[in-house]
Amino acid sequence: MKSPALLLIGAHSLATALALALASPAFADQALASKHACTACHAADRKLVGPSFKDISARYASDAGAAERLAAKIRAGGVGAWGAMPMPPNASIPEADAKALVTWILNPPRGKPAQ
């Protein structure tokens, strides 16, 4: 039988991890960016093949309709908004994931650029 102290420590650790996950959705969305290979072309604060997440956030900060358009662009692809390099379509990304990614990019955690 485990000691009550070890059970309490385990319960506290689980509660802390759950609280962090709920309070910091950026962790989940950074994982989505990696899962869907966004980070092959985009970085947090520097241009790779495509613009940085920070630059995307800055460009669309005052555009109320940007989130819907950008989520659609993730899935459909596009060209011309950031130069001649096309963004290939990513139709296999579920719509909910595309929306979560855009929300994360446009609303990075305070003090940190989206990664």
C-alpha atoms as a PDB file:
ATOM      1  CA  MET A   1       0.000   0.000   0.000  1.00  0.00           C
ATOM      2  CA  LYS A   2       1.267   3.455  -0.854  1.00  0.00           C
ATOM      3  CA  SER A   3       1.780   5.956   1.892  1.00  0.00           C
ATOM      4  CA  PRO A   4      -0.790   8.761   2.208  1.00  0.00           C
ATOM      5  CA  ALA A   5       2.002  11.304   1.663  1.00  0.00           C
ATOM      6  CA  LEU A   6       2.906   9.795  -1.722  1.00  0.00           C
ATOM      7  CA  LEU A   7      -0.748   9.738  -2.764  1.00  0.00           C
ATOM      8  CA  LEU A   8      -1.106  13.383  -1.749  1.00  0.00           C
ATOM      9  CA  ILE A   9       2.012  14.365  -3.719  1.00  0.00           C
ATOM     10  CA  GLY A  10       0.738  12.463  -6.757  1.00  0.00           C
ATOM     11  CA  ALA A  11      -2.691  14.086  -6.531  1.00  0.00           C
ATOM     12  CA  HIS A  12      -1.109  17.529  -6.172  1.00  0.00           C
ATOM     13  CA  SER A  13       1.117  16.926  -9.204  1.00  0.00           C
ATOM     14  CA  LEU A  14      -1.844  15.811 -11.283  1.00  0.00           C
ATOM     15  CA  ALA A  15      -3.913  18.821 -10.195  1.00  0.00           C
ATOM     16  CA  THR A  16      -1.036  21.181 -11.025  1.00  0.00           C
ATOM     17  CA  ALA A  17      -0.559  19.659 -14.481  1.00  0.00           C
ATOM     18  CA  LEU A  18      -4.285  19.891 -15.188  1.00  0.00           C
ATOM     19  CA  ALA A  19      -4.418  23.517 -14.040  1.00  0.00           C
ATOM     20  CA  LEU A  20      -1.469  24.420 -16.284  1.00  0.00           C
ATOM     21  CA  ALA A  21      -3.045  22.688 -19.262  1.00  0.00           C
ATOM     22  CA  LEU A  22      -6.327  24.522 -18.764  1.00  0.00           C
ATOM     23  CA  ALA A  23      -4.684  27.894 -18.086  1.00  0.00           C
ATOM     24  CA  SER A  24      -2.156  27.642 -20.937  1.00  0.00           C
ATOM     25  CA  PRO A  25      -3.788  26.500 -24.163  1.00  0.00           C
ATOM     26  CA  ALA A  26      -0.638  27.627 -25.977  1.00  0.00           C
ATOM     27  CA  PHE A  27       1.003  24.327 -25.053  1.00  0.00           C
ATOM     28  CA  ALA A  28      -1.698  22.398 -26.884  1.00  0.00           C
ATOM     29  CA  ASP A  29      -1.610  24.712 -29.879  1.00  0.00           C
ATOM     30  CA  GLN A  30       2.161  24.617 -30.164  1.00  0.00           C
ATOM     31  CA  ALA A  31       1.774  20.849 -30.259  1.00  0.00           C
ATOM     32  CA  LEU A  32      -0.814  21.266 -33.031  1.00  0.00           C
ATOM     33  CA  ALA A  33       1.608  23.435 -35.004  1.00  0.00           C
ATOM     34  CA  SER A  34       4.220  20.694 -34.750  1.00  0.00           C
ATOM     35  CA  LYS A  35       1.726  17.896 -35.429  1.00  0.00           C
ATOM     36  CA  HIS A  36       0.493  19.543 -38.619  1.00  0.00           C
ATOM     37  CA  ALA A  37       4.030  20.505 -39.760  1.00  0.00           C
ATOM     38  CA  CYS A  38       3.403  24.277 -39.577  1.00  0.00           C
ATOM     39  CA  THR A  39       6.834  24.653 -37.997  1.00  0.00           C
ATOM     40  CA  ALA A  40       8.495  23.307 -41.143  1.00  0.00           C
ATOM     41  CA  CYS A  41       7.805  26.688 -42.769  1.00  0.00           C
ATOM     42  CA  HIS A  42       7.005  29.053 -39.866  1.00  0.00           C
ATOM     43  CA  ALA A  43       8.995  29.954 -36.744  1.00  0.00           C
ATOM     44  CA  ALA A  44       8.041  31.971 -33.687  1.00  0.00           C
ATOM     45  CA  ASP A  45       9.997  35.125 -34.391  1.00  0.00           C
ATOM     46  CA  ARG A  46      11.878  34.781 -37.664  1.00  0.00           C
ATOM     47  CA  LYS A  47      10.993  34.172 -41.290  1.00  0.00           C
ATOM     48  CA  LEU A  48      11.677  30.688 -42.583  1.00  0.00           C
ATOM     49  CA  VAL A  49       9.917  29.719 -45.806  1.00  0.00           C
ATOM     50  CA  GLY A  50       6.861  31.655 -44.655  1.00  0.00           C
ATOM     51  CA  PRO A  51       6.409  34.558 -42.244  1.00  0.00           C
ATOM     52  CA  SER A  52       6.975  34.196 -38.518  1.00  0.00           C
ATOM     53  CA  PHE A  53       4.007  33.649 -36.225  1.00  0.00           C
ATOM     54  CA  LYS A  54       4.918  36.982 -34.616  1.00  0.00           C
ATOM     55  CA  ASP A  55       4.702  38.805 -37.972  1.00  0.00           C
ATOM     56  CA  ILE A  56       1.373  37.162 -38.787  1.00  0.00           C
ATOM     57  CA  SER A  57       0.017  38.208 -35.403  1.00  0.00           C
ATOM     58  CA  ALA A  58       1.216  41.796 -35.905  1.00  0.00           C
ATOM     59  CA  ARG A  59      -0.200  42.110 -39.430  1.00  0.00           C
ATOM     60  CA  TYR A  60      -3.682  40.923 -38.458  1.00  0.00           C
ATOM     61  CA  ALA A  61      -3.892  42.367 -34.921  1.00  0.00           C
ATOM     62  CA  SER A  62      -6.558  44.925 -35.776  1.00  0.00           C
ATOM     63  CA  ASP A  63      -8.423  42.833 -38.370  1.00  0.00           C
ATOM     64  CA  ALA A  64     -11.598  41.471 -36.766  1.00  0.00           C
ATOM     65  CA  GLY A  65     -12.278  39.050 -39.629  1.00  0.00           C
ATOM     66  CA  ALA A  66      -8.759  37.673 -39.898  1.00  0.00           C
ATOM     67  CA  ALA A  67      -9.278  34.548 -37.811  1.00  0.00           C
ATOM     68  CA  GLU A  68     -11.899  33.037 -40.124  1.00  0.00           C
ATOM     69  CA  ARG A  69      -9.963  33.943 -43.283  1.00  0.00           C
ATOM     70  CA  LEU A  70      -6.669  32.620 -41.941  1.00  0.00           C
ATOM     71  CA  ALA A  71      -8.212  29.346 -40.772  1.00  0.00           C
ATOM     72  CA  ALA A  72      -9.643  28.903 -44.275  1.00  0.00           C
ATOM     73  CA  LYS A  73      -6.264  29.799 -45.805  1.00  0.00           C
ATOM     74  CA  ILE A  74      -4.511  27.144 -43.711  1.00  0.00           C
ATOM     75  CA  ARG A  75      -6.782  24.518 -45.256  1.00  0.00           C
ATOM     76  CA  ALA A  76      -7.023  25.928 -48.821  1.00  0.00           C
ATOM     77  CA  GLY A  77      -3.525  27.381 -49.239  1.00  0.00           C
ATOM     78  CA  GLY A  78      -2.761  30.669 -50.924  1.00  0.00           C
ATOM     79  CA  VAL A  79      -0.188  32.903 -52.524  1.00  0.00           C
ATOM     80  CA  GLY A  80       0.585  36.606 -52.660  1.00  0.00           C
ATOM     81  CA  ALA A  81      -0.167  37.798 -49.124  1.00  0.00           C
ATOM     82  CA  TRP A  82       3.488  37.451 -48.064  1.00  0.00           C
ATOM     83  CA  GLY A  83       5.265  37.389 -51.429  1.00  0.00           C
ATOM     84  CA  ALA A  84       5.554  34.929 -54.280  1.00  0.00           C
ATOM     85  CA  MET A  85       6.099  31.788 -52.195  1.00  0.00           C
ATOM     86  CA  PRO A  86       2.814  29.849 -52.095  1.00  0.00           C
ATOM     87  CA  MET A  87       1.421  28.256 -48.964  1.00  0.00           C
ATOM     88  CA  PRO A  88       0.346  24.767 -49.958  1.00  0.00           C
ATOM     89  CA  PRO A  89      -3.153  23.618 -49.060  1.00  0.00           C
ATOM     90  CA  ASN A  90      -3.468  21.629 -45.846  1.00  0.00           C
ATOM     91  CA  ALA A  91      -6.972  20.231 -46.346  1.00  0.00           C
ATOM     92  CA  SER A  92      -6.267  17.291 -44.019  1.00  0.00           C
ATOM     93  CA  ILE A  93      -6.074  19.641 -41.021  1.00  0.00           C
ATOM     94  CA  PRO A  94      -9.445  19.499 -39.255  1.00  0.00           C
ATOM     95  CA  GLU A  95     -11.288  22.821 -39.274  1.00  0.00           C
ATOM     96  CA  ALA A  96     -11.268  22.907 -35.467  1.00  0.00           C
ATOM     97  CA  ASP A  97      -7.470  22.509 -35.433  1.00  0.00           C
ATOM     98  CA  ALA A  98      -7.048  25.280 -38.032  1.00  0.00           C
ATOM     99  CA  LYS A  99      -9.179  27.606 -35.904  1.00  0.00           C
ATOM    100  CA  ALA A 100      -7.223  26.696 -32.749  1.00  0.00           C
ATOM    101  CA  LEU A 101      -3.936  27.385 -34.544  1.00  0.00           C
ATOM    102  CA  VAL A 102      -5.109  30.783 -35.769  1.00  0.00           C
ATOM    103  CA  THR A 103      -6.381  31.713 -32.304  1.00  0.00           C
ATOM    104  CA  TRP A 104      -2.991  30.751 -30.869  1.00  0.00           C
ATOM    105  CA  ILE A 105      -1.063  32.689 -33.540  1.00  0.00           C
ATOM    106  CA  LEU A 106      -3.182  35.825 -33.255  1.00  0.00           C
ATOM    107  CA  ASN A 107      -3.243  35.763 -29.437  1.00  0.00           C
ATOM    108  CA  PRO A 108       0.213  34.666 -28.276  1.00  0.00           C
ATOM    109  CA  PRO A 109       0.847  34.300 -24.533  1.00  0.00           C
ATOM    110  CA  ARG A 110       1.821  37.630 -23.024  1.00  0.00           C
ATOM    111  CA  GLY A 111       5.530  38.300 -23.128  1.00  0.00           C
ATOM    112  CA  LYS A 112       6.190  35.391 -25.488  1.00  0.00           C
ATOM    113  CA  PRO A 113       5.720  35.091 -29.229  1.00  0.00           C
ATOM    114  CA  ALA A 114       3.824  32.061 -30.470  1.00  0.00           C
ATOM    115  CA  GLN A 115       6.268  29.243 -31.177  1.00  0.00           C
END
